[in-house]
Amino acid sequence: MYIVEFTLKYTAMPLTVQKEDKEAAEALYKKALDAISSGNPAILEAGCDKVTDKKIAMTVSELIAVQIYDKEGKGGAAGRAPGFFALAGDE
């Protein structure tokens, strides 16, 4: 299971959806990147594979970051939360 996480301006908690396969997660990630760079479509929608009735929609102008990671943590640093920041003592 893969997590696609969206960060919005002025919002502390990210929006997340889960995708069963890597290709679907990467396709949604690319769709979000394309929307951020072009501004089209104005609203980006995403659905969750685990909770099938979970859907989110966001205004692309408010979207500031998107990331994708493996829910199981395979291939990444074990025991670390995904993200771009690290604490000074966490090396």
PDB file of N, CA and C in Angstrom:
ATOM      1  N   MET A   1       0.849  -1.173   0.000  1.00  0.00           N
ATOM      2  CA  MET A   1       0.000   0.000   0.000  1.00  0.00           C
ATOM      3  C   MET A   1       0.892   1.232   0.000  1.00  0.00           C
ATOM      4  N   TYR A   2       0.546   2.215  -0.828  1.00  0.00           N
ATOM      5  CA  TYR A   2       1.309   3.447  -0.960  1.00  0.00           C
ATOM      6  C   TYR A   2       0.448   4.628  -0.521  1.00  0.00           C
ATOM      7  N   ILE A   3       1.080   5.578   0.129  1.00  0.00           N
ATOM      8  CA  ILE A   3       0.403   6.785   0.601  1.00  0.00           C
ATOM      9  C   ILE A   3       0.799   7.945  -0.294  1.00  0.00           C
ATOM     10  N   VAL A   4      -0.196   8.702  -0.750  1.00  0.00           N
ATOM     11  CA  VAL A   4       0.048   9.956  -1.455  1.00  0.00           C
ATOM     12  C   VAL A   4      -0.459  11.046  -0.518  1.00  0.00           C
ATOM     13  N   GLU A   5       0.438  11.945  -0.148  1.00  0.00           N
ATOM     14  CA  GLU A   5       0.151  12.956   0.861  1.00  0.00           C
ATOM     15  C   GLU A   5       0.196  14.342   0.233  1.00  0.00           C
ATOM     16  N   PHE A   6      -0.837  15.134   0.495  1.00  0.00           N
ATOM     17  CA  PHE A   6      -0.954  16.481  -0.046  1.00  0.00           C
ATOM     18  C   PHE A   6      -0.876  17.481   1.103  1.00  0.00           C
ATOM     19  N   THR A   7      -0.035  18.497   0.933  1.00  0.00           N
ATOM     20  CA  THR A   7       0.079  19.559   1.929  1.00  0.00           C
ATOM     21  C   THR A   7      -0.514  20.828   1.353  1.00  0.00           C
ATOM     22  N   LEU A   8      -1.413  21.439   2.109  1.00  0.00           N
ATOM     23  CA  LEU A   8      -2.081  22.662   1.670  1.00  0.00           C
ATOM     24  C   LEU A   8      -1.586  23.857   2.467  1.00  0.00           C
ATOM     25  N   LYS A   9      -1.647  25.038   1.863  1.00  0.00           N
ATOM     26  CA  LYS A   9      -1.253  26.270   2.544  1.00  0.00           C
ATOM     27  C   LYS A   9      -2.078  26.454   3.815  1.00  0.00           C
ATOM     28  N   TYR A  10      -1.416  26.895   4.865  1.00  0.00           N
ATOM     29  CA  TYR A  10      -2.064  27.259   6.123  1.00  0.00           C
ATOM     30  C   TYR A  10      -2.832  26.108   6.770  1.00  0.00           C
ATOM     31  N   THR A  11      -2.470  24.871   6.446  1.00  0.00           N
ATOM     32  CA  THR A  11      -3.130  23.699   7.006  1.00  0.00           C
ATOM     33  C   THR A  11      -2.082  22.812   7.663  1.00  0.00           C
ATOM     34  N   ALA A  12      -2.263  22.551   8.945  1.00  0.00           N
ATOM     35  CA  ALA A  12      -1.269  21.775   9.691  1.00  0.00           C
ATOM     36  C   ALA A  12      -1.272  20.292   9.313  1.00  0.00           C
ATOM     37  N   MET A  13      -2.427  19.742   9.065  1.00  0.00           N
ATOM     38  CA  MET A  13      -2.530  18.314   8.777  1.00  0.00           C
ATOM     39  C   MET A  13      -2.615  18.081   7.271  1.00  0.00           C
ATOM     40  N   PRO A  14      -1.801  17.163   6.756  1.00  0.00           N
ATOM     41  CA  PRO A  14      -1.873  16.866   5.319  1.00  0.00           C
ATOM     42  C   PRO A  14      -3.099  16.007   4.991  1.00  0.00           C
ATOM     43  N   LEU A  15      -3.494  16.035   3.743  1.00  0.00           N
ATOM     44  CA  LEU A  15      -4.542  15.147   3.241  1.00  0.00           C
ATOM     45  C   LEU A  15      -3.855  13.938   2.636  1.00  0.00           C
ATOM     46  N   THR A  16      -4.350  12.737   2.906  1.00  0.00           N
ATOM     47  CA  THR A  16      -3.713  11.535   2.378  1.00  0.00           C
ATOM     48  C   THR A  16      -4.740  10.601   1.760  1.00  0.00           C
ATOM     49  N   VAL A  17      -4.291   9.890   0.746  1.00  0.00           N
ATOM     50  CA  VAL A  17      -5.053   8.781   0.171  1.00  0.00           C
ATOM     51  C   VAL A  17      -4.104   7.605   0.016  1.00  0.00           C
ATOM     52  N   GLN A  18      -4.660   6.402   0.021  1.00  0.00           N
ATOM     53  CA  GLN A  18      -3.861   5.190  -0.123  1.00  0.00           C
ATOM     54  C   GLN A  18      -4.144   4.544  -1.475  1.00  0.00           C
ATOM     55  N   LYS A  19      -3.081   4.108  -2.112  1.00  0.00           N
ATOM     56  CA  LYS A  19      -3.182   3.411  -3.391  1.00  0.00           C
ATOM     57  C   LYS A  19      -2.558   2.029  -3.246  1.00  0.00           C
ATOM     58  N   GLU A  20      -3.207   1.021  -3.821  1.00  0.00           N
ATOM     59  CA  GLU A  20      -2.739  -0.353  -3.667  1.00  0.00           C
ATOM     60  C   GLU A  20      -1.435  -0.629  -4.404  1.00  0.00           C
ATOM     61  N   ASP A  21      -1.292  -0.093  -5.597  1.00  0.00           N
ATOM     62  CA  ASP A  21      -0.069  -0.391  -6.352  1.00  0.00           C
ATOM     63  C   ASP A  21       0.736   0.872  -6.618  1.00  0.00           C
ATOM     64  N   LYS A  22       2.008   0.682  -6.824  1.00  0.00           N
ATOM     65  CA  LYS A  22       2.949   1.787  -7.002  1.00  0.00           C
ATOM     66  C   LYS A  22       2.615   2.619  -8.232  1.00  0.00           C
ATOM     67  N   GLU A  23       2.191   1.981  -9.302  1.00  0.00           N
ATOM     68  CA  GLU A  23       1.881   2.696 -10.536  1.00  0.00           C
ATOM     69  C   GLU A  23       0.736   3.683 -10.340  1.00  0.00           C
ATOM     70  N   ALA A  24      -0.305   3.272  -9.628  1.00  0.00           N
ATOM     71  CA  ALA A  24      -1.442   4.165  -9.368  1.00  0.00           C
ATOM     72  C   ALA A  24      -1.024   5.341  -8.490  1.00  0.00           C
ATOM     73  N   ALA A  25      -0.187   5.067  -7.496  1.00  0.00           N
ATOM     74  CA  ALA A  25       0.301   6.128  -6.610  1.00  0.00           C
ATOM     75  C   ALA A  25       1.164   7.111  -7.392  1.00  0.00           C
ATOM     76  N   GLU A  26       2.044   6.602  -8.234  1.00  0.00           N
ATOM     77  CA  GLU A  26       2.910   7.475  -9.033  1.00  0.00           C
ATOM     78  C   GLU A  26       2.114   8.283 -10.057  1.00  0.00           C
ATOM     79  N   ALA A  27       1.048   7.699 -10.602  1.00  0.00           N
ATOM     80  CA  ALA A  27       0.197   8.419 -11.548  1.00  0.00           C
ATOM     81  C   ALA A  27      -0.505   9.595 -10.856  1.00  0.00           C
ATOM     82  N   LEU A  28      -0.994   9.373  -9.642  1.00  0.00           N
ATOM     83  CA  LEU A  28      -1.638  10.451  -8.891  1.00  0.00           C
ATOM     84  C   LEU A  28      -0.619  11.520  -8.504  1.00  0.00           C
ATOM     85  N   TYR A  29       0.568  11.103  -8.110  1.00  0.00           N
ATOM     86  CA  TYR A  29       1.652  12.036  -7.780  1.00  0.00           C
ATOM     87  C   TYR A  29       1.980  12.915  -8.993  1.00  0.00           C
ATOM     88  N   LYS A  30       2.124  12.286 -10.165  1.00  0.00           N
ATOM     89  CA  LYS A  30       2.429  13.038 -11.389  1.00  0.00           C
ATOM     90  C   LYS A  30       1.285  13.982 -11.754  1.00  0.00           C
ATOM     91  N   LYS A  31       0.051  13.527 -11.576  1.00  0.00           N
ATOM     92  CA  LYS A  31      -1.108  14.370 -11.860  1.00  0.00           C
ATOM     93  C   LYS A  31      -1.086  15.614 -10.960  1.00  0.00           C
ATOM     94  N   ALA A  32      -0.715  15.429  -9.682  1.00  0.00           N
ATOM     95  CA  ALA A  32      -0.633  16.559  -8.753  1.00  0.00           C
ATOM     96  C   ALA A  32       0.497  17.511  -9.149  1.00  0.00           C
ATOM     97  N   LEU A  33       1.653  16.963  -9.524  1.00  0.00           N
ATOM     98  CA  LEU A  33       2.768  17.812  -9.954  1.00  0.00           C
ATOM     99  C   LEU A  33       2.407  18.619 -11.197  1.00  0.00           C
ATOM    100  N   ASP A  34       1.766  17.971 -12.148  1.00  0.00           N
ATOM    101  CA  ASP A  34       1.349  18.662 -13.365  1.00  0.00           C
ATOM    102  C   ASP A  34       0.355  19.778 -13.047  1.00  0.00           C
ATOM    103  N   ALA A  35      -0.563  19.503 -12.121  1.00  0.00           N
ATOM    104  CA  ALA A  35      -1.562  20.508 -11.736  1.00  0.00           C
ATOM    105  C   ALA A  35      -0.890  21.694 -11.039  1.00  0.00           C
ATOM    106  N   ILE A  36       0.097  21.423 -10.181  1.00  0.00           N
ATOM    107  CA  ILE A  36       0.805  22.507  -9.490  1.00  0.00           C
ATOM    108  C   ILE A  36       1.551  23.386 -10.499  1.00  0.00           C
ATOM    109  N   SER A  37       2.236  22.755 -11.447  1.00  0.00           N
ATOM    110  CA  SER A  37       3.057  23.532 -12.389  1.00  0.00           C
ATOM    111  C   SER A  37       2.229  24.295 -13.410  1.00  0.00           C
ATOM    112  N   SER A  38       1.088  23.750 -13.797  1.00  0.00           N
ATOM    113  CA  SER A  38       0.297  24.406 -14.839  1.00  0.00           C
ATOM    114  C   SER A  38      -0.887  25.206 -14.295  1.00  0.00           C
ATOM    115  N   GLY A  39      -1.358  24.855 -13.115  1.00  0.00           N
ATOM    116  CA  GLY A  39      -2.549  25.515 -12.574  1.00  0.00           C
ATOM    117  C   GLY A  39      -3.842  24.919 -13.099  1.00  0.00           C
ATOM    118  N   ASN A  40      -3.728  23.905 -13.958  1.00  0.00           N
ATOM    119  CA  ASN A  40      -4.909  23.225 -14.519  1.00  0.00           C
ATOM    120  C   ASN A  40      -4.869  21.753 -14.161  1.00  0.00           C
ATOM    121  N   PRO A  41      -5.912  21.140 -13.765  1.00  0.00           N
ATOM    122  CA  PRO A  41      -7.225  21.735 -13.505  1.00  0.00           C
ATOM    123  C   PRO A  41      -7.183  22.599 -12.242  1.00  0.00           C
ATOM    124  N   ALA A  42      -8.188  23.408 -12.041  1.00  0.00           N
ATOM    125  CA  ALA A  42      -8.236  24.288 -10.872  1.00  0.00           C
ATOM    126  C   ALA A  42      -8.487  23.485  -9.602  1.00  0.00           C
ATOM    127  N   ILE A  43      -9.202  22.382  -9.732  1.00  0.00           N
ATOM    128  CA  ILE A  43      -9.492  21.509  -8.589  1.00  0.00           C
ATOM    129  C   ILE A  43      -8.963  20.121  -8.897  1.00  0.00           C
ATOM    130  N   LEU A  44      -8.221  19.566  -7.951  1.00  0.00           N
ATOM    131  CA  LEU A  44      -7.655  18.233  -8.079  1.00  0.00           C
ATOM    132  C   LEU A  44      -8.437  17.283  -7.172  1.00  0.00           C
ATOM    133  N   GLU A  45      -8.890  16.182  -7.738  1.00  0.00           N
ATOM    134  CA  GLU A  45      -9.623  15.183  -6.973  1.00  0.00           C
ATOM    135  C   GLU A  45      -8.791  13.915  -6.851  1.00  0.00           C
ATOM    136  N   ALA A  46      -8.935  13.224  -5.729  1.00  0.00           N
ATOM    137  CA  ALA A  46      -8.228  11.964  -5.510  1.00  0.00           C
ATOM    138  C   ALA A  46      -9.118  11.039  -4.697  1.00  0.00           C
ATOM    139  N   GLY A  47      -9.029   9.747  -5.008  1.00  0.00           N
ATOM    140  CA  GLY A  47      -9.787   8.733  -4.277  1.00  0.00           C
ATOM    141  C   GLY A  47      -8.843   7.767  -3.585  1.00  0.00           C
ATOM    142  N   CYS A  48      -9.364   7.087  -2.593  1.00  0.00           N
ATOM    143  CA  CYS A  48      -8.576   6.159  -1.789  1.00  0.00           C
ATOM    144  C   CYS A  48      -8.945   4.725  -2.156  1.00  0.00           C
ATOM    145  N   ASP A  49      -7.934   3.869  -2.312  1.00  0.00           N
ATOM    146  CA  ASP A  49      -8.194   2.465  -2.627  1.00  0.00           C
ATOM    147  C   ASP A  49      -8.584   1.654  -1.396  1.00  0.00           C
ATOM    148  N   LYS A  50      -8.088   2.042  -0.222  1.00  0.00           N
ATOM    149  CA  LYS A  50      -8.392   1.284   0.997  1.00  0.00           C
ATOM    150  C   LYS A  50      -9.802   1.583   1.495  1.00  0.00           C
ATOM    151  N   VAL A  51     -10.139   2.850   1.595  1.00  0.00           N
ATOM    152  CA  VAL A  51     -11.482   3.270   1.996  1.00  0.00           C
ATOM    153  C   VAL A  51     -12.137   3.798   0.725  1.00  0.00           C
ATOM    154  N   THR A  52     -12.865   2.940   0.048  1.00  0.00           N
ATOM    155  CA  THR A  52     -13.326   3.254  -1.307  1.00  0.00           C
ATOM    156  C   THR A  52     -14.272   4.445  -1.385  1.00  0.00           C
ATOM    157  N   ASP A  53     -14.970   4.771  -0.316  1.00  0.00           N
ATOM    158  CA  ASP A  53     -15.860   5.928  -0.364  1.00  0.00           C
ATOM    159  C   ASP A  53     -15.174   7.216   0.104  1.00  0.00           C
ATOM    160  N   LYS A  54     -13.869   7.173   0.370  1.00  0.00           N
ATOM    161  CA  LYS A  54     -13.107   8.362   0.748  1.00  0.00           C
ATOM    162  C   LYS A  54     -12.602   9.048  -0.511  1.00  0.00           C
ATOM    163  N   LYS A  55     -12.973  10.309  -0.669  1.00  0.00           N
ATOM    164  CA  LYS A  55     -12.529  11.119  -1.798  1.00  0.00           C
ATOM    165  C   LYS A  55     -12.176  12.495  -1.263  1.00  0.00           C
ATOM    166  N   ILE A  56     -11.157  13.098  -1.856  1.00  0.00           N
ATOM    167  CA  ILE A  56     -10.797  14.455  -1.482  1.00  0.00           C
ATOM    168  C   ILE A  56     -10.711  15.310  -2.740  1.00  0.00           C
ATOM    169  N   ALA A  57     -10.978  16.573  -2.572  1.00  0.00           N
ATOM    170  CA  ALA A  57     -10.838  17.549  -3.652  1.00  0.00           C
ATOM    171  C   ALA A  57     -10.176  18.780  -3.053  1.00  0.00           C
ATOM    172  N   MET A  58      -9.220  19.328  -3.780  1.00  0.00           N
ATOM    173  CA  MET A  58      -8.511  20.498  -3.280  1.00  0.00           C
ATOM    174  C   MET A  58      -8.292  21.487  -4.406  1.00  0.00           C
ATOM    175  N   THR A  59      -8.220  22.746  -4.049  1.00  0.00           N
ATOM    176  CA  THR A  59      -7.900  23.788  -5.013  1.00  0.00           C
ATOM    177  C   THR A  59      -6.405  23.744  -5.270  1.00  0.00           C
ATOM    178  N   VAL A  60      -6.019  23.647  -6.507  1.00  0.00           N
ATOM    179  CA  VAL A  60      -4.612  23.511  -6.870  1.00  0.00           C
ATOM    180  C   VAL A  60      -3.801  24.720  -6.403  1.00  0.00           C
ATOM    181  N   SER A  61      -4.394  25.891  -6.385  1.00  0.00           N
ATOM    182  CA  SER A  61      -3.674  27.090  -5.940  1.00  0.00           C
ATOM    183  C   SER A  61      -3.300  27.009  -4.458  1.00  0.00           C
ATOM    184  N   GLU A  62      -3.964  26.169  -3.691  1.00  0.00           N
ATOM    185  CA  GLU A  62      -3.657  25.997  -2.267  1.00  0.00           C
ATOM    186  C   GLU A  62      -2.708  24.832  -2.010  1.00  0.00           C
ATOM    187  N   LEU A  63      -2.422  24.040  -3.010  1.00  0.00           N
ATOM    188  CA  LEU A  63      -1.552  22.872  -2.885  1.00  0.00           C
ATOM    189  C   LEU A  63      -0.092  23.310  -2.970  1.00  0.00           C
ATOM    190  N   ILE A  64       0.688  23.013  -1.914  1.00  0.00           N
ATOM    191  CA  ILE A  64       2.086  23.448  -1.908  1.00  0.00           C
ATOM    192  C   ILE A  64       3.075  22.289  -1.976  1.00  0.00           C
ATOM    193  N   ALA A  65       2.637  21.071  -1.643  1.00  0.00           N
ATOM    194  CA  ALA A  65       3.563  19.937  -1.686  1.00  0.00           C
ATOM    195  C   ALA A  65       2.783  18.647  -1.840  1.00  0.00           C
ATOM    196  N   VAL A  66       3.432  17.677  -2.471  1.00  0.00           N
ATOM    197  CA  VAL A  66       2.879  16.330  -2.586  1.00  0.00           C
ATOM    198  C   VAL A  66       4.040  15.360  -2.434  1.00  0.00           C
ATOM    199  N   GLN A  67       3.786  14.272  -1.722  1.00  0.00           N
ATOM    200  CA  GLN A  67       4.815  13.252  -1.594  1.00  0.00           C
ATOM    201  C   GLN A  67       4.165  11.877  -1.635  1.00  0.00           C
ATOM    202  N   ILE A  68       4.972  10.896  -1.965  1.00  0.00           N
ATOM    203  CA  ILE A  68       4.517   9.522  -2.067  1.00  0.00           C
ATOM    204  C   ILE A  68       5.483   8.661  -1.268  1.00  0.00           C
ATOM    205  N   TYR A  69       4.942   7.703  -0.532  1.00  0.00           N
ATOM    206  CA  TYR A  69       5.797   6.782   0.207  1.00  0.00           C
ATOM    207  C   TYR A  69       5.073   5.469   0.439  1.00  0.00           C
ATOM    208  N   ASP A  70       5.868   4.451   0.688  1.00  0.00           N
ATOM    209  CA  ASP A  70       5.367   3.109   0.940  1.00  0.00           C
ATOM    210  C   ASP A  70       4.889   3.037   2.382  1.00  0.00           C
ATOM    211  N   LYS A  71       3.658   2.648   2.586  1.00  0.00           N
ATOM    212  CA  LYS A  71       3.081   2.578   3.933  1.00  0.00           C
ATOM    213  C   LYS A  71       3.854   1.613   4.821  1.00  0.00           C
ATOM    214  N   GLU A  72       4.390   0.556   4.244  1.00  0.00           N
ATOM    215  CA  GLU A  72       5.121  -0.452   5.002  1.00  0.00           C
ATOM    216  C   GLU A  72       6.536  -0.005   5.338  1.00  0.00           C
ATOM    217  N   GLY A  73       7.009   1.033   4.693  1.00  0.00           N
ATOM    218  CA  GLY A  73       8.346   1.534   4.962  1.00  0.00           C
ATOM    219  C   GLY A  73       9.444   0.801   4.222  1.00  0.00           C
ATOM    220  N   LYS A  74       9.095  -0.071   3.298  1.00  0.00           N
ATOM    221  CA  LYS A  74      10.104  -0.788   2.517  1.00  0.00           C
ATOM    222  C   LYS A  74      10.901   0.179   1.662  1.00  0.00           C
ATOM    223  N   GLY A  75      12.197  -0.029   1.629  1.00  0.00           N
ATOM    224  CA  GLY A  75      13.038   0.789   0.774  1.00  0.00           C
ATOM    225  C   GLY A  75      13.406   2.130   1.364  1.00  0.00           C
ATOM    226  N   GLY A  76      12.873   2.474   2.517  1.00  0.00           N
ATOM    227  CA  GLY A  76      13.198   3.751   3.137  1.00  0.00           C
ATOM    228  C   GLY A  76      13.949   3.536   4.424  1.00  0.00           C
ATOM    229  N   ALA A  77      14.153   4.606   5.146  1.00  0.00           N
ATOM    230  CA  ALA A  77      14.845   4.523   6.431  1.00  0.00           C
ATOM    231  C   ALA A  77      13.879   3.956   7.464  1.00  0.00           C
ATOM    232  N   ALA A  78      14.203   2.811   7.998  1.00  0.00           N
ATOM    233  CA  ALA A  78      13.315   2.144   8.952  1.00  0.00           C
ATOM    234  C   ALA A  78      13.122   2.994  10.190  1.00  0.00           C
ATOM    235  N   GLY A  79      11.879   3.094  10.624  1.00  0.00           N
ATOM    236  CA  GLY A  79      11.565   3.816  11.842  1.00  0.00           C
ATOM    237  C   GLY A  79      11.474   5.322  11.687  1.00  0.00           C
ATOM    238  N   ARG A  80      11.684   5.835  10.509  1.00  0.00           N
ATOM    239  CA  ARG A  80      11.599   7.275  10.284  1.00  0.00           C
ATOM    240  C   ARG A  80      10.305   7.613   9.583  1.00  0.00           C
ATOM    241  N   ALA A  81       9.724   8.714   9.985  1.00  0.00           N
ATOM    242  CA  ALA A  81       8.533   9.203   9.301  1.00  0.00           C
ATOM    243  C   ALA A  81       8.940   9.806   7.970  1.00  0.00           C
ATOM    244  N   PRO A  82       8.120   9.659   6.930  1.00  0.00           N
ATOM    245  CA  PRO A  82       8.454  10.265   5.648  1.00  0.00           C
ATOM    246  C   PRO A  82       8.406  11.785   5.762  1.00  0.00           C
ATOM    247  N   GLY A  83       9.116  12.443   4.898  1.00  0.00           N
ATOM    248  CA  GLY A  83       9.097  13.899   4.886  1.00  0.00           C
ATOM    249  C   GLY A  83      10.420  14.452   4.426  1.00  0.00           C
ATOM    250  N   PHE A  84      10.533  15.742   4.461  1.00  0.00           N
ATOM    251  CA  PHE A  84      11.707  16.411   3.936  1.00  0.00           C
ATOM    252  C   PHE A  84      12.615  16.981   5.003  1.00  0.00           C
ATOM    253  N   PHE A  85      12.164  16.985   6.248  1.00  0.00           N
ATOM    254  CA  PHE A  85      12.914  17.631   7.307  1.00  0.00           C
ATOM    255  C   PHE A  85      13.451  16.594   8.283  1.00  0.00           C
ATOM    256  N   ALA A  86      14.589  16.888   8.869  1.00  0.00           N
ATOM    257  CA  ALA A  86      15.174  16.024   9.890  1.00  0.00           C
ATOM    258  C   ALA A  86      15.619  16.889  11.052  1.00  0.00           C
ATOM    259  N   LEU A  87      15.519  16.356  12.238  1.00  0.00           N
ATOM    260  CA  LEU A  87      16.007  17.063  13.407  1.00  0.00           C
ATOM    261  C   LEU A  87      17.523  17.001  13.436  1.00  0.00           C
ATOM    262  N   ALA A  88      18.158  17.956  14.069  1.00  0.00           N
ATOM    263  CA  ALA A  88      19.612  18.003  14.097  1.00  0.00           C
ATOM    264  C   ALA A  88      20.221  16.763  14.714  1.00  0.00           C
ATOM    265  N   GLY A  89      19.618  16.199  15.740  1.00  0.00           N
ATOM    266  CA  GLY A  89      20.157  15.007  16.397  1.00  0.00           C
ATOM    267  C   GLY A  89      19.730  13.716  15.745  1.00  0.00           C
ATOM    268  N   ASP A  90      18.995  13.792  14.652  1.00  0.00           N
ATOM    269  CA  ASP A  90      18.446  12.599  13.997  1.00  0.00           C
ATOM    270  C   ASP A  90      19.295  12.208  12.792  1.00  0.00           C
ATOM    271  N   GLU A  91      20.617  12.109  13.000  1.00  0.00           N
ATOM    272  CA  GLU A  91      21.495  11.761  11.867  1.00  0.00           C
ATOM    273  C   GLU A  91      22.136  10.430  12.068  1.00  0.00           C
TER     274      GLU A  91
END
